[in-house]
């Protein structure tokens, strides 16, 4: 996986999409510069999840943009999705890798320094998600916010061996210090899903990332 794929990572949330179809949100976000999409569905049944994932994968595949499935390795397999994102209480990373094979993009959420150290033993891991950087209403089951200091600590632990995508309370105005603190990219939910124009929001976020890296 190229690190550039993590630059602007959209995590979907239908509840925050202002009643608009998720395919519409994703299509607009991609036009604006989103480089990777994670389909996160906590409420719908398995069949609905698969149908939604198939529609989004059909949209993304011709564009070469990876589709990452949150938590559900079985659905990632069924869809032939490019990857899987797991949390600390989901399937273990070694089990996910055995199930999905060497070609899959697999990322793991990291909150504490000890979790970052554990990732160093996974030499074929694709990226870690440092979360949450700032407090966010999008997820209520997260630990205390890492802040820039926590992000810097995780970067120091993993060095350049693992790409890091930062998530939690991120918007165009705070991207620059996040990138400077060690993130390769940023993941956003409401900054795109709840924007009046997801395409314009994505374009502004992508520009902020590129400016921070220049």
N, C-alpha and C. Protein backbone atom coordinates (compact mmCIF):
# COMPACT_ATOMS: atom_id res chain seq x y z
N UNK A 1 0.84 -1.20 0.00
CA UNK A 1 0.00 0.00 0.00
C UNK A 1 0.87 1.25 0.00
N UNK A 2 0.58 2.18 -0.88
CA UNK A 2 1.30 3.44 -0.90
C UNK A 2 0.84 4.34 0.25
N UNK A 3 1.76 5.00 0.91
CA UNK A 3 1.39 5.88 2.02
C UNK A 3 0.44 6.98 1.57
N UNK A 4 0.56 7.37 0.31
CA UNK A 4 -0.29 8.44 -0.20
C UNK A 4 -1.78 8.07 -0.15
N UNK A 5 -2.05 6.77 -0.13
CA UNK A 5 -3.45 6.33 -0.08
C UNK A 5 -4.12 6.73 1.23
N UNK A 6 -3.33 7.02 2.24
CA UNK A 6 -3.87 7.39 3.55
C UNK A 6 -4.08 8.90 3.70
N UNK A 7 -3.73 9.68 2.72
CA UNK A 7 -3.72 11.13 2.91
C UNK A 7 -5.08 11.68 3.32
N UNK A 8 -6.13 11.26 2.64
CA UNK A 8 -7.47 11.71 3.00
C UNK A 8 -8.40 10.50 2.99
N UNK A 9 -8.67 9.99 4.16
CA UNK A 9 -9.33 8.71 4.38
C UNK A 9 -10.74 9.00 4.92
N UNK A 10 -11.74 8.69 4.11
CA UNK A 10 -13.13 8.90 4.52
C UNK A 10 -13.65 7.67 5.25
N UNK A 11 -14.19 7.89 6.45
CA UNK A 11 -14.88 6.84 7.20
C UNK A 11 -16.36 7.19 7.17
N UNK A 12 -17.18 6.30 6.64
CA UNK A 12 -18.58 6.62 6.41
C UNK A 12 -19.42 6.53 7.67
N UNK A 13 -20.50 7.27 7.67
CA UNK A 13 -21.49 7.22 8.75
C UNK A 13 -22.81 7.71 8.19
N UNK A 14 -23.72 6.78 7.93
CA UNK A 14 -24.99 7.17 7.33
C UNK A 14 -25.80 8.09 8.23
N UNK A 15 -25.67 7.92 9.56
CA UNK A 15 -26.43 8.75 10.49
C UNK A 15 -26.03 10.21 10.40
N UNK A 16 -24.84 10.49 9.91
CA UNK A 16 -24.34 11.87 9.82
C UNK A 16 -24.44 12.43 8.41
N UNK A 17 -25.08 11.69 7.50
CA UNK A 17 -25.07 12.06 6.09
C UNK A 17 -26.25 12.93 5.66
N UNK A 18 -26.99 13.45 6.61
CA UNK A 18 -28.08 14.38 6.35
C UNK A 18 -29.14 13.79 5.41
N UNK A 19 -29.38 12.49 5.55
CA UNK A 19 -30.41 11.83 4.77
C UNK A 19 -30.03 11.52 3.33
N UNK A 20 -28.82 11.86 2.93
CA UNK A 20 -28.39 11.61 1.56
C UNK A 20 -27.87 10.18 1.41
N UNK A 21 -28.04 9.58 0.23
CA UNK A 21 -27.51 8.22 0.01
C UNK A 21 -26.00 8.19 0.20
N UNK A 22 -25.52 7.12 0.80
CA UNK A 22 -24.08 7.03 1.06
C UNK A 22 -23.28 6.98 -0.24
N UNK A 23 -23.82 6.36 -1.26
CA UNK A 23 -23.11 6.33 -2.54
C UNK A 23 -22.92 7.74 -3.08
N UNK A 24 -23.90 8.60 -2.85
CA UNK A 24 -23.79 10.00 -3.30
C UNK A 24 -22.68 10.72 -2.54
N UNK A 25 -22.62 10.49 -1.23
CA UNK A 25 -21.58 11.10 -0.40
C UNK A 25 -20.20 10.64 -0.85
N UNK A 26 -20.05 9.34 -1.03
CA UNK A 26 -18.75 8.78 -1.42
C UNK A 26 -18.32 9.28 -2.79
N UNK A 27 -19.23 9.28 -3.74
CA UNK A 27 -18.89 9.74 -5.09
C UNK A 27 -18.42 11.19 -5.07
N UNK A 28 -19.12 12.02 -4.33
CA UNK A 28 -18.74 13.44 -4.24
C UNK A 28 -17.40 13.60 -3.54
N UNK A 29 -17.19 12.84 -2.47
CA UNK A 29 -15.93 12.93 -1.72
C UNK A 29 -14.75 12.52 -2.57
N UNK A 30 -14.93 11.50 -3.37
CA UNK A 30 -13.86 11.03 -4.25
C UNK A 30 -13.54 12.10 -5.30
N UNK A 31 -14.56 12.73 -5.84
CA UNK A 31 -14.30 13.82 -6.79
C UNK A 31 -13.49 14.93 -6.14
N UNK A 32 -13.69 15.11 -4.83
CA UNK A 32 -12.97 16.16 -4.12
C UNK A 32 -11.57 15.80 -3.70
N UNK A 33 -11.22 14.52 -3.78
CA UNK A 33 -9.84 14.15 -3.46
C UNK A 33 -9.64 13.09 -2.40
N UNK A 34 -10.71 12.43 -1.95
CA UNK A 34 -10.55 11.33 -0.98
C UNK A 34 -9.73 10.21 -1.61
N UNK A 35 -8.80 9.66 -0.84
CA UNK A 35 -7.86 8.65 -1.36
C UNK A 35 -8.14 7.24 -0.88
N UNK A 36 -8.99 7.09 0.13
CA UNK A 36 -9.35 5.77 0.65
C UNK A 36 -10.70 5.91 1.35
N UNK A 37 -11.51 4.84 1.30
CA UNK A 37 -12.83 4.88 1.91
C UNK A 37 -13.00 3.67 2.81
N UNK A 38 -13.43 3.93 4.04
CA UNK A 38 -13.77 2.85 4.96
C UNK A 38 -15.28 2.84 5.15
N UNK A 39 -15.88 1.69 4.89
CA UNK A 39 -17.31 1.52 5.12
C UNK A 39 -17.51 1.01 6.53
N UNK A 40 -18.08 1.88 7.36
CA UNK A 40 -18.33 1.51 8.77
C UNK A 40 -19.83 1.47 9.00
N UNK A 41 -20.32 0.29 9.32
CA UNK A 41 -21.75 0.09 9.57
C UNK A 41 -21.92 -0.70 10.85
N UNK A 42 -22.45 -0.08 11.87
CA UNK A 42 -22.63 -0.73 13.16
C UNK A 42 -24.05 -1.21 13.40
N UNK A 43 -24.99 -0.70 12.62
CA UNK A 43 -26.41 -0.96 12.93
C UNK A 43 -27.09 -1.89 11.93
N UNK A 44 -26.70 -1.87 10.67
CA UNK A 44 -27.47 -2.62 9.67
C UNK A 44 -27.16 -4.11 9.71
N UNK A 45 -28.05 -4.91 9.13
CA UNK A 45 -27.84 -6.35 9.11
C UNK A 45 -26.80 -6.72 8.05
N UNK A 46 -26.37 -7.96 8.08
CA UNK A 46 -25.29 -8.40 7.21
C UNK A 46 -25.64 -8.26 5.74
N UNK A 47 -26.84 -8.63 5.35
CA UNK A 47 -27.21 -8.54 3.94
C UNK A 47 -27.19 -7.09 3.45
N UNK A 48 -27.71 -6.19 4.27
CA UNK A 48 -27.71 -4.78 3.90
C UNK A 48 -26.29 -4.24 3.79
N UNK A 49 -25.44 -4.65 4.72
CA UNK A 49 -24.04 -4.25 4.71
C UNK A 49 -23.38 -4.69 3.40
N UNK A 50 -23.62 -5.93 3.00
CA UNK A 50 -23.03 -6.44 1.77
C UNK A 50 -23.55 -5.68 0.55
N UNK A 51 -24.84 -5.43 0.50
CA UNK A 51 -25.41 -4.71 -0.65
C UNK A 51 -24.84 -3.30 -0.76
N UNK A 52 -24.73 -2.63 0.38
CA UNK A 52 -24.17 -1.29 0.39
C UNK A 52 -22.70 -1.31 0.00
N UNK A 53 -21.97 -2.28 0.56
CA UNK A 53 -20.54 -2.41 0.23
C UNK A 53 -20.32 -2.70 -1.23
N UNK A 54 -21.18 -3.52 -1.81
CA UNK A 54 -21.03 -3.87 -3.22
C UNK A 54 -21.24 -2.62 -4.10
N UNK A 55 -22.23 -1.82 -3.75
CA UNK A 55 -22.50 -0.60 -4.52
C UNK A 55 -21.33 0.38 -4.43
N UNK A 56 -20.76 0.52 -3.25
CA UNK A 56 -19.64 1.44 -3.09
C UNK A 56 -18.38 0.90 -3.75
N UNK A 57 -18.18 -0.41 -3.66
CA UNK A 57 -17.00 -1.01 -4.30
C UNK A 57 -17.07 -0.85 -5.81
N UNK A 58 -18.25 -1.01 -6.38
CA UNK A 58 -18.44 -0.82 -7.81
C UNK A 58 -18.08 0.60 -8.22
N UNK A 59 -18.38 1.55 -7.37
CA UNK A 59 -18.08 2.95 -7.63
C UNK A 59 -16.57 3.22 -7.53
N UNK A 60 -15.91 2.61 -6.55
CA UNK A 60 -14.51 2.92 -6.27
C UNK A 60 -13.51 2.16 -7.14
N UNK A 61 -13.83 0.92 -7.48
CA UNK A 61 -12.86 0.07 -8.17
C UNK A 61 -12.30 0.69 -9.46
N UNK A 62 -13.15 1.23 -10.34
CA UNK A 62 -12.60 1.79 -11.58
C UNK A 62 -11.66 2.98 -11.33
N UNK A 63 -11.77 3.59 -10.17
CA UNK A 63 -10.96 4.76 -9.84
C UNK A 63 -9.68 4.39 -9.12
N UNK A 64 -9.54 3.10 -8.77
CA UNK A 64 -8.35 2.65 -8.07
C UNK A 64 -8.28 3.09 -6.63
N UNK A 65 -9.43 3.40 -6.03
CA UNK A 65 -9.47 3.83 -4.64
C UNK A 65 -9.85 2.65 -3.75
N UNK A 66 -9.02 2.31 -2.76
CA UNK A 66 -9.29 1.14 -1.93
C UNK A 66 -10.55 1.29 -1.08
N UNK A 67 -11.31 0.19 -0.99
CA UNK A 67 -12.43 0.10 -0.06
C UNK A 67 -11.99 -0.73 1.12
N UNK A 68 -12.09 -0.16 2.30
CA UNK A 68 -11.74 -0.83 3.55
C UNK A 68 -13.04 -1.09 4.32
N UNK A 69 -13.20 -2.30 4.82
CA UNK A 69 -14.38 -2.65 5.60
C UNK A 69 -14.03 -2.58 7.08
N UNK A 70 -14.88 -1.95 7.85
CA UNK A 70 -14.66 -1.85 9.28
C UNK A 70 -15.13 -3.12 9.99
N UNK A 71 -14.25 -3.73 10.75
CA UNK A 71 -14.55 -4.86 11.65
C UNK A 71 -14.83 -6.19 10.96
N UNK A 72 -15.63 -6.19 9.91
CA UNK A 72 -16.21 -7.43 9.38
C UNK A 72 -15.33 -8.06 8.29
N UNK A 73 -14.46 -8.96 8.72
CA UNK A 73 -13.58 -9.65 7.77
C UNK A 73 -14.38 -10.51 6.81
N UNK A 74 -15.49 -11.07 7.28
CA UNK A 74 -16.30 -11.91 6.40
C UNK A 74 -16.88 -11.10 5.24
N UNK A 75 -17.31 -9.88 5.53
CA UNK A 75 -17.87 -9.03 4.48
C UNK A 75 -16.77 -8.55 3.53
N UNK A 76 -15.60 -8.25 4.08
CA UNK A 76 -14.47 -7.88 3.22
C UNK A 76 -14.16 -9.00 2.24
N UNK A 77 -14.22 -10.24 2.71
CA UNK A 77 -13.98 -11.39 1.84
C UNK A 77 -15.04 -11.51 0.75
N UNK A 78 -16.29 -11.43 1.15
CA UNK A 78 -17.39 -11.59 0.20
C UNK A 78 -17.30 -10.54 -0.90
N UNK A 79 -16.99 -9.32 -0.53
CA UNK A 79 -16.95 -8.21 -1.50
C UNK A 79 -15.68 -8.20 -2.34
N UNK A 80 -14.66 -8.89 -1.87
CA UNK A 80 -13.36 -8.73 -2.51
C UNK A 80 -12.82 -7.34 -2.28
N UNK A 81 -13.15 -6.76 -1.13
CA UNK A 81 -12.68 -5.42 -0.78
C UNK A 81 -11.17 -5.41 -0.64
N UNK A 82 -10.59 -4.24 -0.78
CA UNK A 82 -9.13 -4.14 -0.73
C UNK A 82 -8.59 -4.32 0.68
N UNK A 83 -9.43 -4.14 1.70
CA UNK A 83 -8.87 -4.26 3.03
C UNK A 83 -9.87 -4.25 4.15
N UNK A 84 -9.32 -4.25 5.36
CA UNK A 84 -10.08 -4.36 6.61
C UNK A 84 -9.46 -3.44 7.65
N UNK A 85 -10.31 -2.79 8.43
CA UNK A 85 -9.82 -2.03 9.58
C UNK A 85 -10.40 -2.64 10.85
N UNK A 86 -9.54 -2.91 11.81
CA UNK A 86 -9.97 -3.54 13.05
C UNK A 86 -9.57 -2.71 14.26
N UNK A 87 -10.35 -2.86 15.33
CA UNK A 87 -10.06 -2.20 16.59
C UNK A 87 -9.43 -3.17 17.56
N UNK A 88 -9.14 -2.69 18.74
CA UNK A 88 -8.46 -3.50 19.75
C UNK A 88 -9.34 -4.62 20.30
N UNK A 89 -10.64 -4.53 20.11
CA UNK A 89 -11.54 -5.56 20.63
C UNK A 89 -12.15 -6.40 19.52
N UNK A 90 -11.65 -6.24 18.31
CA UNK A 90 -12.13 -7.04 17.18
C UNK A 90 -11.24 -8.26 17.00
N UNK A 91 -11.37 -8.92 15.88
CA UNK A 91 -10.48 -10.02 15.51
C UNK A 91 -9.03 -9.56 15.64
N UNK A 92 -8.16 -10.44 16.10
CA UNK A 92 -6.75 -10.05 16.24
C UNK A 92 -6.12 -9.82 14.86
N UNK A 93 -5.06 -9.03 14.84
CA UNK A 93 -4.40 -8.79 13.57
C UNK A 93 -3.89 -10.08 12.92
N UNK A 94 -3.19 -10.97 13.65
CA UNK A 94 -2.72 -12.20 13.00
C UNK A 94 -3.86 -13.03 12.40
N UNK A 95 -5.00 -13.10 13.09
CA UNK A 95 -6.13 -13.85 12.55
C UNK A 95 -6.67 -13.19 11.28
N UNK A 96 -6.76 -11.86 11.30
CA UNK A 96 -7.24 -11.15 10.12
C UNK A 96 -6.31 -11.36 8.93
N UNK A 97 -5.02 -11.34 9.17
CA UNK A 97 -4.05 -11.54 8.08
C UNK A 97 -4.15 -12.95 7.52
N UNK A 98 -4.29 -13.93 8.41
CA UNK A 98 -4.43 -15.32 7.94
C UNK A 98 -5.69 -15.48 7.09
N UNK A 99 -6.74 -14.82 7.49
CA UNK A 99 -8.02 -14.95 6.80
C UNK A 99 -8.01 -14.25 5.44
N UNK A 100 -7.46 -13.05 5.39
CA UNK A 100 -7.56 -12.23 4.19
C UNK A 100 -6.36 -12.33 3.26
N UNK A 101 -5.25 -12.87 3.74
CA UNK A 101 -4.09 -13.07 2.88
C UNK A 101 -3.16 -11.88 2.82
N UNK A 102 -2.07 -12.07 2.11
CA UNK A 102 -0.99 -11.09 2.11
C UNK A 102 -1.30 -9.82 1.34
N UNK A 103 -2.25 -9.90 0.40
CA UNK A 103 -2.51 -8.75 -0.45
C UNK A 103 -3.45 -7.72 0.19
N UNK A 104 -4.19 -8.12 1.20
CA UNK A 104 -5.17 -7.23 1.83
C UNK A 104 -4.49 -6.10 2.58
N UNK A 105 -5.10 -4.93 2.52
CA UNK A 105 -4.68 -3.80 3.35
C UNK A 105 -5.34 -3.97 4.71
N UNK A 106 -4.56 -4.06 5.77
CA UNK A 106 -5.13 -4.22 7.10
C UNK A 106 -4.56 -3.16 8.03
N UNK A 107 -5.47 -2.44 8.67
CA UNK A 107 -5.08 -1.41 9.62
C UNK A 107 -5.67 -1.71 10.99
N UNK A 108 -5.02 -1.20 12.02
CA UNK A 108 -5.41 -1.45 13.40
C UNK A 108 -5.46 -0.14 14.18
N UNK A 109 -6.54 0.06 14.91
CA UNK A 109 -6.66 1.25 15.76
C UNK A 109 -5.74 1.14 16.97
N UNK A 110 -5.07 2.23 17.28
CA UNK A 110 -4.14 2.29 18.41
C UNK A 110 -4.49 3.50 19.26
N UNK A 111 -4.58 3.27 20.56
CA UNK A 111 -4.90 4.34 21.50
C UNK A 111 -3.74 4.61 22.45
N UNK A 112 -3.08 3.54 22.88
CA UNK A 112 -2.04 3.65 23.90
C UNK A 112 -0.66 3.29 23.34
N UNK A 113 0.37 3.78 24.00
CA UNK A 113 1.73 3.50 23.56
C UNK A 113 2.01 2.00 23.52
N UNK A 114 1.52 1.26 24.49
CA UNK A 114 1.80 -0.19 24.52
C UNK A 114 1.20 -0.88 23.30
N UNK A 115 0.07 -0.38 22.82
CA UNK A 115 -0.53 -0.97 21.62
C UNK A 115 0.32 -0.67 20.39
N UNK A 116 0.90 0.51 20.36
CA UNK A 116 1.80 0.86 19.26
C UNK A 116 3.03 -0.05 19.27
N UNK A 117 3.55 -0.35 20.46
CA UNK A 117 4.72 -1.24 20.56
C UNK A 117 4.37 -2.64 20.06
N UNK A 118 3.17 -3.10 20.38
CA UNK A 118 2.75 -4.42 19.92
C UNK A 118 2.73 -4.48 18.39
N UNK A 119 2.38 -3.38 17.76
CA UNK A 119 2.30 -3.35 16.30
C UNK A 119 3.66 -3.59 15.64
N UNK A 120 4.74 -3.29 16.35
CA UNK A 120 6.07 -3.48 15.78
C UNK A 120 6.36 -4.94 15.48
N UNK A 121 5.65 -5.85 16.14
CA UNK A 121 5.86 -7.28 15.89
C UNK A 121 5.12 -7.76 14.65
N UNK A 122 4.22 -6.91 14.14
CA UNK A 122 3.46 -7.27 12.94
C UNK A 122 4.14 -6.64 11.73
N UNK A 123 5.11 -7.35 11.19
CA UNK A 123 5.95 -6.75 10.16
C UNK A 123 5.21 -6.52 8.84
N UNK A 124 4.06 -7.18 8.68
CA UNK A 124 3.32 -6.99 7.43
C UNK A 124 2.06 -6.14 7.61
N UNK A 125 1.94 -5.45 8.74
CA UNK A 125 0.80 -4.55 8.94
C UNK A 125 0.92 -3.36 8.00
N UNK A 126 -0.21 -2.89 7.49
CA UNK A 126 -0.18 -1.81 6.51
C UNK A 126 -0.21 -0.42 7.13
N UNK A 127 -0.97 -0.24 8.19
CA UNK A 127 -1.01 1.08 8.83
C UNK A 127 -1.65 0.97 10.21
N UNK A 128 -1.46 1.99 11.02
CA UNK A 128 -2.17 2.08 12.29
C UNK A 128 -3.02 3.35 12.28
N UNK A 129 -4.16 3.26 12.94
CA UNK A 129 -5.04 4.41 13.08
C UNK A 129 -4.90 4.96 14.49
N UNK A 130 -4.32 6.14 14.62
CA UNK A 130 -4.15 6.77 15.93
C UNK A 130 -5.45 7.49 16.26
N UNK A 131 -6.09 7.08 17.37
CA UNK A 131 -7.45 7.57 17.62
C UNK A 131 -7.79 7.56 19.10
N UNK A 132 -8.51 8.60 19.54
CA UNK A 132 -8.85 9.84 18.84
C UNK A 132 -7.80 10.91 19.09
N UNK A 133 -7.53 11.71 18.10
CA UNK A 133 -6.59 12.83 18.29
C UNK A 133 -7.25 13.90 19.16
N UNK A 134 -8.47 14.26 18.80
CA UNK A 134 -9.26 15.21 19.59
C UNK A 134 -10.60 14.56 19.91
N UNK A 135 -11.24 15.03 20.95
CA UNK A 135 -12.55 14.50 21.33
C UNK A 135 -13.53 14.73 20.19
N UNK A 136 -14.40 13.77 19.98
CA UNK A 136 -15.37 13.86 18.89
C UNK A 136 -16.67 13.20 19.29
N UNK A 137 -17.80 13.75 18.88
CA UNK A 137 -19.08 13.12 19.17
C UNK A 137 -19.39 11.95 18.24
N UNK A 138 -18.55 11.74 17.21
CA UNK A 138 -18.81 10.67 16.25
C UNK A 138 -18.75 9.30 16.90
N UNK A 139 -17.80 9.13 17.83
CA UNK A 139 -17.69 7.87 18.56
C UNK A 139 -17.66 8.18 20.05
N UNK A 140 -18.47 7.48 20.79
CA UNK A 140 -18.55 7.73 22.23
C UNK A 140 -17.84 6.67 23.06
N UNK A 141 -17.29 5.65 22.39
CA UNK A 141 -16.64 4.56 23.12
C UNK A 141 -15.12 4.63 23.04
N UNK A 142 -14.59 5.83 22.81
CA UNK A 142 -13.15 5.97 22.66
C UNK A 142 -12.51 6.40 23.98
N UNK A 143 -11.18 6.22 24.04
CA UNK A 143 -10.43 6.63 25.22
C UNK A 143 -10.22 8.14 25.20
N UNK A 144 -9.51 8.63 26.21
CA UNK A 144 -9.20 10.06 26.28
C UNK A 144 -8.41 10.47 25.05
N UNK A 145 -8.64 11.66 24.58
CA UNK A 145 -8.00 12.13 23.36
C UNK A 145 -6.47 12.10 23.48
N UNK A 146 -5.82 11.67 22.40
CA UNK A 146 -4.36 11.59 22.38
C UNK A 146 -3.72 12.97 22.34
N UNK A 147 -4.32 13.87 21.57
CA UNK A 147 -3.70 15.16 21.34
C UNK A 147 -2.45 15.01 20.49
N UNK A 148 -1.80 16.11 20.20
CA UNK A 148 -0.61 16.08 19.37
C UNK A 148 0.54 15.36 20.08
N UNK A 149 0.61 15.50 21.41
CA UNK A 149 1.68 14.84 22.16
C UNK A 149 1.56 13.33 22.07
N UNK A 150 0.34 12.83 22.19
CA UNK A 150 0.13 11.39 22.09
C UNK A 150 0.46 10.87 20.70
N UNK A 151 0.09 11.64 19.67
CA UNK A 151 0.41 11.26 18.30
C UNK A 151 1.92 11.23 18.09
N UNK A 152 2.61 12.24 18.61
CA UNK A 152 4.07 12.28 18.49
C UNK A 152 4.71 11.08 19.17
N UNK A 153 4.15 10.67 20.31
CA UNK A 153 4.68 9.53 21.04
C UNK A 153 4.54 8.25 20.22
N UNK A 154 3.38 8.06 19.60
CA UNK A 154 3.17 6.87 18.77
C UNK A 154 4.13 6.88 17.58
N UNK A 155 4.33 8.03 16.97
CA UNK A 155 5.28 8.11 15.85
C UNK A 155 6.69 7.76 16.31
N UNK A 156 7.08 8.23 17.48
CA UNK A 156 8.41 7.92 17.99
C UNK A 156 8.57 6.42 18.22
N UNK A 157 7.53 5.77 18.69
CA UNK A 157 7.59 4.33 18.97
C UNK A 157 7.73 3.53 17.68
N UNK A 158 6.92 3.82 16.67
CA UNK A 158 6.95 3.01 15.45
C UNK A 158 7.96 3.51 14.43
N UNK A 159 8.52 4.71 14.65
CA UNK A 159 9.45 5.26 13.69
C UNK A 159 8.79 5.41 12.33
N UNK A 160 9.54 5.11 11.28
CA UNK A 160 8.99 5.19 9.92
C UNK A 160 8.54 3.83 9.41
N UNK A 161 8.52 2.84 10.30
CA UNK A 161 8.18 1.48 9.87
C UNK A 161 6.71 1.31 9.55
N UNK A 162 5.85 2.14 10.14
CA UNK A 162 4.41 2.00 9.94
C UNK A 162 3.78 3.35 9.59
N UNK A 163 2.99 3.39 8.54
CA UNK A 163 2.21 4.60 8.27
C UNK A 163 1.17 4.82 9.37
N UNK A 164 0.88 6.08 9.65
CA UNK A 164 -0.11 6.44 10.66
C UNK A 164 -1.17 7.34 10.03
N UNK A 165 -2.43 6.97 10.24
CA UNK A 165 -3.52 7.85 9.87
C UNK A 165 -4.17 8.31 11.17
N UNK A 166 -4.38 9.61 11.29
CA UNK A 166 -4.95 10.19 12.51
C UNK A 166 -6.45 10.39 12.32
N UNK A 167 -7.21 10.15 13.38
CA UNK A 167 -8.66 10.32 13.31
C UNK A 167 -9.18 10.91 14.62
N UNK A 168 -10.24 11.67 14.51
CA UNK A 168 -10.88 12.21 15.71
C UNK A 168 -10.84 13.72 15.78
N UNK A 169 -11.96 14.37 15.49
CA UNK A 169 -12.05 15.81 15.62
C UNK A 169 -11.23 16.58 14.61
N UNK A 170 -11.02 16.01 13.44
CA UNK A 170 -10.14 16.63 12.45
C UNK A 170 -10.95 17.43 11.43
N UNK A 171 -10.44 18.62 11.12
CA UNK A 171 -11.04 19.48 10.10
C UNK A 171 -9.92 20.24 9.41
N UNK A 172 -10.25 20.97 8.39
CA UNK A 172 -9.22 21.61 7.56
C UNK A 172 -8.29 22.51 8.36
N UNK A 173 -8.79 23.15 9.41
CA UNK A 173 -7.99 24.12 10.15
C UNK A 173 -6.99 23.50 11.12
N UNK A 174 -7.13 22.21 11.44
CA UNK A 174 -6.16 21.62 12.38
C UNK A 174 -5.33 20.51 11.75
N UNK A 175 -5.37 20.38 10.44
CA UNK A 175 -4.62 19.32 9.77
C UNK A 175 -3.11 19.56 9.82
N UNK A 176 -2.69 20.81 9.64
CA UNK A 176 -1.25 21.07 9.55
C UNK A 176 -0.48 20.58 10.79
N UNK A 177 -0.88 20.92 12.02
CA UNK A 177 -0.13 20.42 13.17
C UNK A 177 -0.21 18.90 13.32
N UNK A 178 -1.28 18.28 12.85
CA UNK A 178 -1.41 16.82 12.93
C UNK A 178 -0.41 16.15 12.01
N UNK A 179 -0.28 16.65 10.80
CA UNK A 179 0.71 16.09 9.87
C UNK A 179 2.12 16.32 10.42
N UNK A 180 2.37 17.50 10.94
CA UNK A 180 3.70 17.81 11.49
C UNK A 180 4.03 16.96 12.71
N UNK A 181 2.99 16.51 13.43
CA UNK A 181 3.21 15.67 14.61
C UNK A 181 3.51 14.21 14.24
N UNK A 182 3.37 13.87 12.96
CA UNK A 182 3.77 12.53 12.55
C UNK A 182 2.78 11.73 11.75
N UNK A 183 1.59 12.26 11.49
CA UNK A 183 0.60 11.51 10.71
C UNK A 183 0.94 11.56 9.22
N UNK A 184 0.72 10.44 8.56
CA UNK A 184 0.87 10.39 7.10
C UNK A 184 -0.39 10.89 6.41
N UNK A 185 -1.51 10.82 7.13
CA UNK A 185 -2.77 11.26 6.57
C UNK A 185 -3.80 11.42 7.66
N UNK A 186 -5.00 11.85 7.26
CA UNK A 186 -6.06 12.06 8.24
C UNK A 186 -7.31 11.32 7.79
N UNK A 187 -8.04 10.80 8.76
CA UNK A 187 -9.33 10.16 8.52
C UNK A 187 -10.41 11.05 9.10
N UNK A 188 -11.47 11.24 8.33
CA UNK A 188 -12.55 12.12 8.77
C UNK A 188 -13.89 11.43 8.57
N UNK A 189 -14.85 11.83 9.38
CA UNK A 189 -16.21 11.32 9.27
C UNK A 189 -17.15 12.49 8.98
N UNK A 190 -17.50 13.23 10.03
CA UNK A 190 -18.49 14.30 9.87
C UNK A 190 -17.99 15.45 9.01
N UNK A 191 -16.67 15.67 8.96
CA UNK A 191 -16.13 16.77 8.16
C UNK A 191 -16.51 16.64 6.69
N UNK A 192 -16.79 15.42 6.25
CA UNK A 192 -17.26 15.20 4.88
C UNK A 192 -18.71 14.76 4.87
N UNK A 193 -19.06 13.77 5.69
CA UNK A 193 -20.42 13.21 5.63
C UNK A 193 -21.50 14.24 5.97
N UNK A 194 -21.18 15.18 6.86
CA UNK A 194 -22.17 16.17 7.28
C UNK A 194 -22.01 17.51 6.57
N UNK A 195 -21.06 17.60 5.67
CA UNK A 195 -20.83 18.87 4.96
C UNK A 195 -21.94 19.14 3.96
N UNK A 196 -22.35 20.40 3.80
CA UNK A 196 -23.35 20.73 2.77
C UNK A 196 -22.92 20.28 1.39
N UNK A 197 -21.63 20.38 1.12
CA UNK A 197 -21.06 19.90 -0.14
C UNK A 197 -19.89 18.98 0.19
N UNK A 198 -20.09 17.66 0.21
CA UNK A 198 -18.98 16.74 0.50
C UNK A 198 -17.81 16.89 -0.46
N UNK A 199 -18.11 17.21 -1.71
CA UNK A 199 -17.02 17.39 -2.68
C UNK A 199 -16.16 18.59 -2.32
N UNK A 200 -16.79 19.70 -2.00
CA UNK A 200 -16.03 20.90 -1.64
C UNK A 200 -15.26 20.67 -0.34
N UNK A 201 -15.90 20.00 0.62
CA UNK A 201 -15.23 19.72 1.89
C UNK A 201 -14.01 18.84 1.68
N UNK A 202 -14.15 17.81 0.86
CA UNK A 202 -13.02 16.92 0.58
C UNK A 202 -11.89 17.68 -0.11
N UNK A 203 -12.26 18.56 -1.04
CA UNK A 203 -11.24 19.33 -1.75
C UNK A 203 -10.45 20.22 -0.79
N UNK A 204 -11.15 20.84 0.16
CA UNK A 204 -10.47 21.70 1.13
C UNK A 204 -9.57 20.89 2.05
N UNK A 205 -10.05 19.72 2.47
CA UNK A 205 -9.25 18.86 3.34
C UNK A 205 -8.02 18.34 2.60
N UNK A 206 -8.20 17.91 1.36
CA UNK A 206 -7.07 17.39 0.57
C UNK A 206 -6.04 18.48 0.37
N UNK A 207 -6.48 19.69 0.11
CA UNK A 207 -5.55 20.81 -0.08
C UNK A 207 -4.78 21.10 1.20
N UNK A 208 -5.47 20.99 2.34
CA UNK A 208 -4.81 21.23 3.64
C UNK A 208 -3.73 20.17 3.91
N UNK A 209 -4.02 18.93 3.55
CA UNK A 209 -3.03 17.86 3.73
C UNK A 209 -1.81 18.13 2.86
N UNK A 210 -2.03 18.45 1.61
CA UNK A 210 -0.92 18.68 0.68
C UNK A 210 -0.09 19.89 1.11
N UNK A 211 -0.76 20.93 1.59
CA UNK A 211 -0.04 22.10 2.07
C UNK A 211 0.80 21.77 3.29
N UNK A 212 0.25 20.95 4.19
CA UNK A 212 0.99 20.56 5.39
C UNK A 212 2.21 19.73 5.06
N UNK A 213 2.16 18.99 3.96
CA UNK A 213 3.27 18.13 3.58
C UNK A 213 4.28 18.84 2.70
N UNK A 214 3.94 20.02 2.22
CA UNK A 214 4.86 20.72 1.30
C UNK A 214 5.98 21.43 2.07
